[in-house]
Amino acid sequence: MDIYLVGGAVRDTLLQFPHSESDWVVVGASPAQMLTAGFQQVGKDFPVFLHPETKEEYALARKERKTGSGYTGFEFDTQSTVSLEDDLLRRDLTINAIAKDSQGNLIDPYGGVADIKAKILRHVSDAFAEDPVRVLRIARFAARYHHLGFRVAPETTALMARMVNAGEVDHLVAERVWKEFSRALGEKSPATFIEVLRSCGALKILMPELDKLFGVPQPEQHHPEIDTGLHALLSLARCAELTPAVEARFATLMHDLGKGTTPKDEWPRHIGHEKRGVKQIEILCQRLSVPNACRDLALSVAEFHTHCHRALELTPKVLLDTLQRLDALRRPERLTLFGYCCTADSRGRTGMEAIAYPQANYLTCARDCVAKVDTKALVAEGYKGKEFGEALRKRQLQALAAFIADYRQIDHRKR
């Protein structure tokens, strides 16, 4: 048997990009030979084996034949006569269809090295169109390597558009969409993922609530970029600079979904978009099976991001109610993520990428002020039940009133 290093490990080594996994393809071997050599079989659809020591994956070279719709309708041929070139031909991108032998020599039958040098994401063959997951993978790779200058080849974008028009993307299950989406959100340039999906028409199928934002105008005096969809992507880019947290990046991208439901005769204003956005996020999250942590933060950001923008103007009552609705007293780490999202929203506007945003820190300080109210003292004073709750709220409001007065005095001195 001949064993080759393939896929991401070869690609990222050539790119000098960090990688953590190594995949191998075995040519000229049978499952029985692999088992005799001590490998453990784990693949169900086609033979994949774990190395007895490294536990890395070794897959038998294979051919594939499309037998149905979606990404599960395949038959596999893993006979020992399948060549390395046959195996590489079925891969998605040319940059992923490069192999390395035991002597360190590259086997590159489809021009992957040239495309790495040209910084192009190009499909290997028309077999790409048989697996709709590849539309998501291309978009994710574009998000990963955008900062290196990579772009999707025009002919690949055209092929993806034909797949969308043929209904292939409709067969993607929610869990797989979210898996690729969440991984893309963790990349260096997550907004590129959305741009690529939109360029081939897949965004309209997978996330119509988000796709509707493009072409919807906002007041130019507040949003020089005007387009609501562009603002969502600019905000996501700013959030990616602030935190690697997928929850925050998702919430930032979703924060203005309500503007996609504003009647055209009300444009460019979007009164009440916050609560309308909550409903849109609930629909999207249910359809894509979004985890609760991402969903809940997105709902909070959608409903309360304008409260955060006006934080310095809020009365003690509204400020306390907002902190409680955000569950900030019990979950201060979530308030931190909320602050990142609102900061990103403020900076996600053309020409305002580095604008100061003291509101996030203001909310954190207000939260800390409320948290310092001594509940044990209230118990010692004999408060309990309903009276305890009323007394606690009264002292929290008093603490916030003092905090606001001190902040404004300090701010006035600075000016």
Protein backbone atom coordinates (compact mmCIF):
# COMPACT_ATOMS: atom_id res chain seq x y z
CA MET A 1 0.00 0.00 0.00
CA ASP A 2 1.03 3.63 -0.56
CA ILE A 3 0.15 6.30 1.99
CA TYR A 4 -0.14 10.02 1.25
CA LEU A 5 -0.75 13.10 3.37
CA VAL A 6 -3.69 14.99 1.83
CA GLY A 7 -6.05 17.90 2.23
CA GLY A 8 -5.77 20.63 4.80
CA ALA A 9 -2.40 19.67 6.24
CA VAL A 10 -0.74 19.94 2.83
CA ARG A 11 -2.64 23.11 1.91
CA ASP A 12 -1.93 24.95 5.14
CA THR A 13 1.72 23.92 5.19
CA LEU A 14 2.12 25.53 1.77
CA LEU A 15 0.27 28.60 3.02
CA GLN A 16 2.28 28.67 6.27
CA PHE A 17 -1.11 28.66 7.99
CA PRO A 18 -1.60 26.89 11.33
CA HIS A 19 -3.33 23.50 11.32
CA SER A 20 -3.92 20.84 13.95
CA GLU A 21 -5.02 17.73 12.06
CA SER A 22 -3.46 15.48 9.45
CA ASP A 23 -5.50 13.34 7.07
CA TRP A 24 -4.10 10.46 5.07
CA VAL A 25 -5.24 8.51 2.03
CA VAL A 26 -4.21 4.90 1.43
CA VAL A 27 -3.84 3.62 -2.13
CA GLY A 28 -3.71 -0.08 -3.05
CA ALA A 29 -5.02 -1.55 0.20
CA SER A 30 -8.12 -3.44 1.31
CA PRO A 31 -10.04 -3.11 4.61
CA ALA A 32 -8.67 -6.51 5.63
CA GLN A 33 -5.09 -5.35 5.15
CA MET A 34 -5.74 -2.24 7.24
CA LEU A 35 -7.23 -4.26 10.07
CA THR A 36 -4.31 -6.71 9.92
CA ALA A 37 -1.92 -3.76 10.25
CA GLY A 38 -3.65 -2.76 13.50
CA PHE A 39 -5.86 0.05 12.25
CA GLN A 40 -9.34 0.51 13.76
CA GLN A 41 -12.22 0.97 11.31
CA VAL A 42 -14.61 3.84 12.09
CA GLY A 43 -16.18 4.77 8.73
CA LYS A 44 -19.72 3.63 7.96
CA ASP A 45 -20.28 4.91 4.41
CA PHE A 46 -16.74 4.15 3.30
CA PRO A 47 -13.74 2.66 5.09
CA VAL A 48 -11.93 5.14 7.34
CA PHE A 49 -9.41 3.86 9.86
CA LEU A 50 -7.66 5.23 12.93
CA HIS A 51 -3.92 4.73 13.20
CA PRO A 52 -3.13 2.40 16.12
CA GLU A 53 -0.76 4.95 17.69
CA THR A 54 -1.45 8.48 16.42
CA LYS A 55 -5.23 7.96 16.06
CA GLU A 56 -5.12 10.07 12.90
CA GLU A 57 -7.59 9.22 10.12
CA TYR A 58 -6.52 7.05 7.20
CA ALA A 59 -9.11 6.69 4.41
CA LEU A 60 -8.94 4.25 1.54
CA ALA A 61 -8.70 6.01 -1.82
CA ARG A 62 -12.20 6.16 -3.26
CA LYS A 63 -14.39 7.05 -6.19
CA GLU A 64 -17.91 8.37 -5.67
CA ARG A 65 -21.09 8.12 -7.71
CA LYS A 66 -24.10 10.35 -7.19
CA THR A 67 -27.26 8.33 -6.53
CA GLY A 68 -29.71 10.85 -5.03
CA SER A 69 -30.35 14.41 -3.91
CA GLY A 70 -28.50 16.28 -1.21
CA TYR A 71 -25.16 15.33 0.29
CA THR A 72 -25.94 11.77 1.43
CA GLY A 73 -26.92 10.26 -1.93
CA PHE A 74 -23.60 8.64 -2.89
CA GLU A 75 -22.14 5.23 -3.61
CA PHE A 76 -18.44 4.66 -2.95
CA ASP A 77 -15.85 2.51 -4.68
CA THR A 78 -12.82 1.77 -2.49
CA GLN A 79 -11.28 -1.10 -4.41
CA SER A 80 -7.52 -1.33 -4.38
CA THR A 81 -7.47 -0.35 -8.05
CA VAL A 82 -8.63 3.22 -7.26
CA SER A 83 -5.73 5.59 -7.91
CA LEU A 84 -4.59 8.63 -5.99
CA GLU A 85 -5.62 10.83 -8.92
CA ASP A 86 -9.12 9.28 -8.84
CA ASP A 87 -9.40 10.15 -5.17
CA LEU A 88 -8.16 13.72 -5.57
CA LEU A 89 -10.53 14.33 -8.49
CA ARG A 90 -13.54 13.99 -6.16
CA ARG A 91 -12.34 16.65 -3.74
CA ASP A 92 -13.91 20.09 -3.55
CA LEU A 93 -11.13 22.61 -4.23
CA THR A 94 -7.90 22.37 -6.15
CA ILE A 95 -6.02 23.63 -3.09
CA ASN A 96 -7.45 20.65 -1.18
CA ALA A 97 -6.52 18.17 -3.93
CA ILE A 98 -2.77 18.15 -3.31
CA ALA A 99 -1.04 15.11 -1.80
CA LYS A 100 2.42 14.57 -0.34
CA ASP A 101 4.24 11.24 -0.41
CA SER A 102 6.55 9.76 2.21
CA GLN A 103 9.55 11.48 0.58
CA GLY A 104 7.95 14.92 0.78
CA ASN A 105 7.14 15.12 -2.93
CA LEU A 106 3.92 16.90 -3.93
CA ILE A 107 1.40 15.20 -6.19
CA ASP A 108 -0.71 17.98 -7.71
CA PRO A 109 -2.66 16.76 -10.77
CA TYR A 110 -5.27 19.55 -10.74
CA GLY A 111 -3.27 22.74 -10.28
CA GLY A 112 -3.70 23.31 -6.58
CA VAL A 113 -0.23 24.77 -6.03
CA ALA A 114 -0.76 27.29 -8.83
CA ASP A 115 -4.10 28.31 -7.30
CA ILE A 116 -2.48 28.76 -3.90
CA LYS A 117 0.05 31.12 -5.50
CA ALA A 118 -2.75 32.93 -7.35
CA LYS A 119 -4.91 32.95 -4.19
CA ILE A 120 -7.91 31.40 -5.91
CA LEU A 121 -10.57 29.05 -4.52
CA ARG A 122 -11.50 26.90 -7.53
CA HIS A 123 -13.48 23.65 -7.79
CA VAL A 124 -11.61 20.59 -9.02
CA SER A 125 -14.29 19.22 -11.34
CA ASP A 126 -18.02 19.32 -12.06
CA ALA A 127 -18.40 16.61 -9.39
CA PHE A 128 -18.34 19.57 -6.98
CA ALA A 129 -21.99 20.19 -7.87
CA GLU A 130 -23.08 16.83 -6.47
CA ASP A 131 -22.60 17.86 -2.83
CA PRO A 132 -24.41 21.03 -1.63
CA VAL A 133 -22.36 21.15 1.58
CA ARG A 134 -19.51 22.32 -0.62
CA VAL A 135 -21.30 25.65 -1.14
CA LEU A 136 -20.98 26.22 2.60
CA ARG A 137 -17.41 24.95 2.69
CA ILE A 138 -16.31 27.28 -0.10
CA ALA A 139 -17.83 30.22 1.77
CA ARG A 140 -16.08 29.13 4.97
CA PHE A 141 -12.71 28.78 3.26
CA ALA A 142 -13.23 32.24 1.78
CA ALA A 143 -13.79 33.58 5.30
CA ARG A 144 -10.69 31.78 6.57
CA TYR A 145 -8.30 32.98 3.88
CA HIS A 146 -9.78 36.35 2.93
CA HIS A 147 -7.10 38.23 4.86
CA LEU A 148 -4.48 36.44 2.73
CA GLY A 149 -6.10 37.77 -0.43
CA PHE A 150 -8.02 34.67 -1.54
CA ARG A 151 -11.14 34.98 -3.68
CA VAL A 152 -13.61 32.52 -5.19
CA ALA A 153 -13.05 31.85 -8.89
CA PRO A 154 -15.86 33.30 -11.05
CA GLU A 155 -16.54 29.93 -12.64
CA THR A 156 -16.91 28.38 -9.17
CA THR A 157 -19.36 31.08 -8.09
CA ALA A 158 -21.32 30.40 -11.29
CA LEU A 159 -21.38 26.66 -10.56
CA MET A 160 -22.59 27.32 -7.02
CA ALA A 161 -25.37 29.53 -8.40
CA ARG A 162 -26.45 26.70 -10.71
CA MET A 163 -26.55 24.36 -7.72
CA VAL A 164 -28.77 26.81 -5.86
CA ASN A 165 -31.08 27.18 -8.86
CA ALA A 166 -31.27 23.40 -9.19
CA GLY A 167 -32.53 23.13 -5.62
CA GLU A 168 -29.50 21.25 -4.26
CA VAL A 169 -29.08 23.68 -1.33
CA ASP A 170 -32.69 23.01 -0.28
CA HIS A 171 -31.61 19.52 0.83
CA LEU A 172 -29.14 20.76 3.46
CA VAL A 173 -30.18 19.82 6.98
CA ALA A 174 -30.19 22.45 9.72
CA GLU A 175 -27.45 20.86 11.80
CA ARG A 176 -25.00 20.84 8.89
CA VAL A 177 -25.79 24.44 7.95
CA TRP A 178 -25.23 25.59 11.52
CA LYS A 179 -22.02 23.58 11.82
CA GLU A 180 -20.48 25.34 8.82
CA PHE A 181 -22.00 28.70 9.77
CA SER A 182 -20.66 28.59 13.33
CA ARG A 183 -17.22 27.53 12.13
CA ALA A 184 -17.22 30.40 9.65
CA LEU A 185 -18.20 32.83 12.41
CA GLY A 186 -15.03 31.80 14.21
CA GLU A 187 -12.80 32.64 11.24
CA LYS A 188 -10.79 35.83 10.83
CA SER A 189 -13.16 37.36 8.25
CA PRO A 190 -16.63 35.93 9.02
CA ALA A 191 -18.48 38.55 6.97
CA THR A 192 -16.94 37.04 3.83
CA PHE A 193 -18.91 33.84 4.49
CA ILE A 194 -22.16 35.78 4.14
CA GLU A 195 -20.92 37.65 1.07
CA VAL A 196 -20.06 34.43 -0.75
CA LEU A 197 -23.41 32.82 0.08
CA ARG A 198 -25.18 35.92 -1.16
CA SER A 199 -23.13 36.05 -4.37
CA CYS A 200 -24.47 32.65 -5.46
CA GLY A 201 -28.01 33.05 -4.14
CA ALA A 202 -27.66 30.58 -1.26
CA LEU A 203 -28.20 33.18 1.47
CA LYS A 204 -31.77 33.76 0.27
CA ILE A 205 -32.46 30.05 0.74
CA LEU A 206 -30.61 29.42 3.99
CA MET A 207 -31.11 32.73 5.85
CA PRO A 208 -33.85 34.71 4.10
CA GLU A 209 -34.30 36.95 7.15
CA LEU A 210 -30.73 38.17 6.75
CA ASP A 211 -30.85 38.34 2.97
CA LYS A 212 -33.84 40.72 3.15
CA LEU A 213 -31.65 43.40 4.78
CA PHE A 214 -29.71 44.03 1.59
CA GLY A 215 -31.21 46.92 -0.33
CA VAL A 216 -33.09 48.25 2.69
CA PRO A 217 -32.02 51.88 3.35
CA GLN A 218 -31.30 53.59 6.68
CA PRO A 219 -31.04 57.32 7.48
CA GLU A 220 -27.81 58.54 5.89
CA GLN A 221 -27.01 60.95 8.73
CA HIS A 222 -26.68 57.99 11.12
CA HIS A 223 -25.61 55.35 8.60
CA PRO A 224 -23.37 56.72 5.83
CA GLU A 225 -23.27 53.22 4.32
CA ILE A 226 -27.11 53.46 4.01
CA ASP A 227 -27.70 49.77 3.16
CA THR A 228 -28.84 47.74 6.18
CA GLY A 229 -27.28 44.52 4.93
CA LEU A 230 -23.93 46.22 4.46
CA HIS A 231 -24.22 47.62 7.99
CA ALA A 232 -24.78 44.09 9.35
CA LEU A 233 -21.59 42.88 7.65
CA LEU A 234 -19.57 45.92 8.77
CA SER A 235 -20.78 45.34 12.33
CA LEU A 236 -19.79 41.67 12.16
CA ALA A 237 -16.32 42.67 10.97
CA ARG A 238 -15.94 45.09 13.89
CA CYS A 239 -17.16 42.43 16.35
CA ALA A 240 -14.56 40.01 14.98
CA GLU A 241 -11.92 42.56 15.99
CA LEU A 242 -13.29 42.73 19.54
CA THR A 243 -13.87 39.08 20.47
CA PRO A 244 -13.52 35.52 19.12
CA ALA A 245 -16.81 34.54 20.80
CA VAL A 246 -19.15 32.99 18.23
CA GLU A 247 -22.16 33.99 20.34
CA ALA A 248 -21.27 37.66 20.08
CA ARG A 249 -20.49 37.49 16.37
CA PHE A 250 -23.79 35.75 15.65
CA ALA A 251 -25.77 38.22 17.76
CA THR A 252 -24.09 41.18 16.06
CA LEU A 253 -24.94 39.84 12.60
CA MET A 254 -28.57 39.32 13.66
CA HIS A 255 -29.13 42.56 15.59
CA ASP A 256 -31.06 44.47 12.89
CA LEU A 257 -33.16 41.67 11.37
CA GLY A 258 -36.28 43.64 12.27
CA LYS A 259 -35.41 46.27 9.67
CA GLY A 260 -36.05 43.70 6.99
CA THR A 261 -39.76 43.76 7.94
CA THR A 262 -40.19 47.56 7.88
CA PRO A 263 -42.86 48.58 5.31
CA LYS A 264 -41.29 50.38 2.36
CA ASP A 265 -43.43 53.47 2.88
CA GLU A 266 -41.69 53.95 6.26
CA TRP A 267 -38.13 53.77 4.87
CA PRO A 268 -35.50 54.88 5.76
CA ARG A 269 -36.79 54.98 9.37
CA HIS A 270 -37.28 51.73 11.26
CA ILE A 271 -39.37 52.48 14.32
CA GLY A 272 -39.94 49.38 16.45
CA HIS A 273 -37.42 47.26 14.57
CA GLU A 274 -36.00 45.99 17.86
CA LYS A 275 -39.02 43.91 18.85
CA ARG A 276 -39.73 42.89 15.26
CA GLY A 277 -36.15 41.63 15.13
CA VAL A 278 -36.80 39.35 18.09
CA LYS A 279 -39.44 37.47 16.13
CA GLN A 280 -37.21 37.13 13.06
CA ILE A 281 -34.33 35.78 15.16
CA GLU A 282 -36.62 33.23 16.80
CA ILE A 283 -37.71 31.97 13.38
CA LEU A 284 -34.15 31.75 12.03
CA CYS A 285 -32.79 30.07 15.15
CA GLN A 286 -35.54 27.48 15.20
CA ARG A 287 -35.00 26.62 11.54
CA LEU A 288 -31.21 26.27 11.88
CA SER A 289 -31.28 24.65 15.35
CA VAL A 290 -29.08 27.42 16.74
CA PRO A 291 -27.75 26.66 20.26
CA ASN A 292 -29.47 28.44 23.13
CA ALA A 293 -26.41 30.51 24.10
CA CYS A 294 -26.23 32.08 20.62
CA ARG A 295 -29.98 32.50 20.33
CA ASP A 296 -30.47 34.11 23.75
CA LEU A 297 -27.69 36.65 23.31
CA ALA A 298 -28.98 37.51 19.83
CA LEU A 299 -32.47 38.09 21.21
CA SER A 300 -31.11 40.39 23.93
CA VAL A 301 -28.96 42.39 21.52
CA ALA A 302 -31.83 42.80 19.06
CA GLU A 303 -34.22 44.07 21.70
CA PHE A 304 -31.88 46.21 23.78
CA HIS A 305 -29.04 47.48 21.56
CA THR A 306 -30.69 50.90 21.24
CA HIS A 307 -31.01 51.01 25.04
CA CYS A 308 -27.25 50.54 25.22
CA HIS A 309 -26.67 53.31 22.68
CA ARG A 310 -28.71 55.65 24.93
CA ALA A 311 -27.32 54.25 28.18
CA LEU A 312 -25.89 57.57 29.36
CA GLU A 313 -29.36 59.13 29.07
CA LEU A 314 -31.36 56.43 30.86
CA THR A 315 -33.10 57.05 34.17
CA PRO A 316 -32.22 54.83 37.14
CA LYS A 317 -35.48 52.90 36.65
CA VAL A 318 -34.98 52.19 32.95
CA LEU A 319 -31.30 51.39 33.52
CA LEU A 320 -32.14 48.89 36.27
CA ASP A 321 -34.94 47.31 34.22
CA THR A 322 -32.55 46.92 31.29
CA LEU A 323 -29.86 45.27 33.40
CA GLN A 324 -32.43 42.88 34.84
CA ARG A 325 -33.86 42.01 31.42
CA LEU A 326 -30.31 41.27 30.27
CA ASP A 327 -29.84 39.03 33.32
CA ALA A 328 -26.66 41.05 33.92
CA LEU A 329 -26.62 40.60 37.70
CA ARG A 330 -26.50 36.81 37.51
CA ARG A 331 -24.47 36.61 34.30
CA PRO A 332 -21.93 39.43 34.07
CA GLU A 333 -20.01 37.58 31.34
CA ARG A 334 -23.06 37.85 29.11
CA LEU A 335 -23.20 41.60 29.66
CA THR A 336 -19.61 41.76 28.45
CA LEU A 337 -20.59 40.02 25.20
CA PHE A 338 -23.61 42.30 24.90
CA GLY A 339 -21.25 45.27 25.18
CA TYR A 340 -19.06 43.92 22.39
CA CYS A 341 -22.11 43.57 20.15
CA CYS A 342 -23.33 47.10 20.78
CA THR A 343 -19.85 48.51 20.29
CA ALA A 344 -19.61 46.66 16.99
CA ASP A 345 -23.02 48.00 15.95
CA SER A 346 -21.86 51.56 16.63
CA ARG A 347 -18.58 51.06 14.78
CA GLY A 348 -20.15 49.12 11.90
CA ARG A 349 -20.76 52.32 9.97
CA THR A 350 -18.72 53.80 7.18
CA GLY A 351 -16.13 56.19 8.60
CA MET A 352 -16.92 55.30 12.22
CA GLU A 353 -14.81 52.16 12.57
CA ALA A 354 -12.83 53.51 15.54
CA ILE A 355 -15.46 55.70 17.21
CA ALA A 356 -15.39 55.82 21.02
CA TYR A 357 -18.16 53.86 22.69
CA PRO A 358 -18.22 54.53 26.47
CA GLN A 359 -21.73 53.10 26.82
CA ALA A 360 -20.51 49.50 27.13
CA ASN A 361 -18.25 50.30 30.07
CA TYR A 362 -20.97 52.51 31.55
CA LEU A 363 -23.38 49.56 31.65
CA THR A 364 -20.73 47.36 33.23
CA CYS A 365 -20.04 49.93 35.95
CA ALA A 366 -23.77 50.37 36.54
CA ARG A 367 -24.13 46.63 36.87
CA ASP A 368 -21.28 46.47 39.40
CA CYS A 369 -22.89 49.30 41.35
CA VAL A 370 -26.18 47.42 41.62
CA ALA A 371 -24.40 44.19 42.55
CA LYS A 372 -22.80 45.89 45.56
CA VAL A 373 -26.15 46.52 47.25
CA ASP A 374 -25.95 44.58 50.52
CA THR A 375 -28.76 42.01 50.55
CA LYS A 376 -27.58 40.59 53.88
CA ALA A 377 -28.17 43.95 55.49
CA LEU A 378 -31.76 43.89 54.24
CA VAL A 379 -32.28 40.46 55.79
CA ALA A 380 -30.76 41.69 59.05
CA GLU A 381 -33.19 44.59 59.01
CA GLY A 382 -36.08 42.12 58.92
CA TYR A 383 -37.16 42.37 55.31
CA LYS A 384 -38.57 39.23 53.74
CA GLY A 385 -40.89 38.11 50.98
CA LYS A 386 -42.47 40.85 48.93
CA GLU A 387 -41.15 43.57 51.25
CA PHE A 388 -37.60 42.32 50.71
CA GLY A 389 -37.97 42.61 46.94
CA GLU A 390 -39.39 46.12 47.20
CA ALA A 391 -36.65 47.26 49.60
CA LEU A 392 -33.94 45.73 47.41
CA ARG A 393 -35.22 47.49 44.30
CA LYS A 394 -35.45 50.80 46.18
CA ARG A 395 -31.81 50.59 47.28
CA GLN A 396 -30.69 49.48 43.84
CA LEU A 397 -32.36 52.55 42.37
CA GLN A 398 -30.73 54.74 44.98
CA ALA A 399 -27.35 53.25 44.17
CA LEU A 400 -27.88 53.85 40.47
CA ALA A 401 -29.02 57.42 41.05
CA ALA A 402 -25.81 58.11 42.97
CA PHE A 403 -23.75 56.38 40.27
CA ILE A 404 -25.35 58.44 37.49
CA ALA A 405 -24.82 61.69 39.40
CA ASP A 406 -21.15 60.88 40.05
CA TYR A 407 -20.58 59.86 36.42
CA ARG A 408 -22.11 63.04 35.06
CA GLN A 409 -20.09 65.16 37.45
CA ILE A 410 -16.85 63.45 36.42
CA ASP A 411 -17.81 63.71 32.75
CA HIS A 412 -18.55 67.42 33.17
CA ARG A 413 -15.10 67.97 34.73
CA LYS A 414 -13.41 66.18 31.84
CA ARG A 415 -15.10 68.49 29.38
